[in-house]
Amino acid sequence: MKPLPISAETAVKLAKRLHMPIEHLMHMPQHILMRKLAELAQEEQAVREQAKPELQSPDPEGKPES
């Protein structure tokens, strides 16, 4: 199996995000890496959606209440 065609910088960033050694990442089958990246994206989306209500204004027009 040949290593993934990604740069060293990208490999380091992905290894940190996925909490795995670079060696495992570089020799991981591409379809498994894509699945892990999709799971990571879903988790990030859930965190963003959870934080979103805290950032919204209580008034639907965005005007401060008097």
Protein backbone atom coordinates (compact mmCIF):
# COMPACT_ATOMS: atom_id res chain seq x y z
CA MET A 1 0.00 0.00 0.00
CA LYS A 2 1.47 3.38 -0.98
CA PRO A 3 1.30 6.41 1.33
CA LEU A 4 -1.48 8.95 0.91
CA PRO A 5 -0.72 11.73 -1.60
CA ILE A 6 -0.86 14.59 0.94
CA SER A 7 1.77 17.10 2.02
CA ALA A 8 3.74 16.67 5.23
CA GLU A 9 2.08 19.78 6.69
CA THR A 10 -1.38 18.41 5.96
CA ALA A 11 -0.43 15.04 7.44
CA VAL A 12 0.73 16.68 10.68
CA LYS A 13 -2.50 18.71 10.97
CA LEU A 14 -4.70 15.68 10.26
CA ALA A 15 -2.79 13.49 12.71
CA LYS A 16 -3.36 16.07 15.45
CA ARG A 17 -7.06 16.44 14.62
CA LEU A 18 -7.64 12.68 14.44
CA HIS A 19 -5.46 11.93 17.49
CA MET A 20 -3.30 9.33 15.75
CA PRO A 21 0.36 8.91 14.83
CA ILE A 22 1.39 10.28 11.43
CA GLU A 23 2.66 6.84 10.42
CA HIS A 24 -0.81 5.35 10.87
CA LEU A 25 -2.40 8.22 9.00
CA MET A 26 -0.07 8.01 6.02
CA HIS A 27 -0.69 4.28 5.52
CA MET A 28 -4.43 4.37 6.19
CA PRO A 29 -6.64 3.37 3.25
CA GLN A 30 -8.12 6.46 1.63
CA HIS A 31 -11.76 5.40 2.10
CA ILE A 32 -11.23 5.01 5.86
CA LEU A 33 -9.55 8.42 6.10
CA MET A 34 -12.46 10.00 4.23
CA ARG A 35 -14.92 8.38 6.65
CA LYS A 36 -12.97 9.68 9.65
CA LEU A 37 -12.86 13.18 8.16
CA ALA A 38 -16.62 13.08 7.59
CA GLU A 39 -17.17 12.05 11.22
CA LEU A 40 -14.91 14.90 12.37
CA ALA A 41 -16.86 17.38 10.21
CA GLN A 42 -20.17 16.16 11.69
CA GLU A 43 -18.83 16.63 15.23
CA GLU A 44 -17.64 20.16 14.42
CA GLN A 45 -21.02 21.00 12.86
CA ALA A 46 -22.83 19.77 15.97
CA VAL A 47 -20.60 21.94 18.18
CA ARG A 48 -21.26 24.97 15.96
CA GLU A 49 -25.02 24.40 16.03
CA GLN A 50 -24.94 23.99 19.79
CA ALA A 51 -23.05 27.29 20.20
CA LYS A 52 -25.20 29.17 17.68
CA PRO A 53 -28.22 29.90 19.98
CA GLU A 54 -25.90 31.62 22.46
CA LEU A 55 -24.76 34.07 19.78
CA GLN A 56 -28.24 35.03 18.55
CA SER A 57 -29.98 38.18 19.70
CA PRO A 58 -33.22 37.74 21.70
CA ASP A 59 -34.99 40.12 19.28
CA PRO A 60 -35.53 38.52 15.85
CA GLU A 61 -34.69 41.84 14.10
CA GLY A 62 -31.41 42.11 16.00
CA LYS A 63 -32.32 45.37 17.73
CA PRO A 64 -31.44 45.72 21.41
CA GLU A 65 -34.38 45.81 23.79
CA SER A 66 -35.17 49.16 25.49
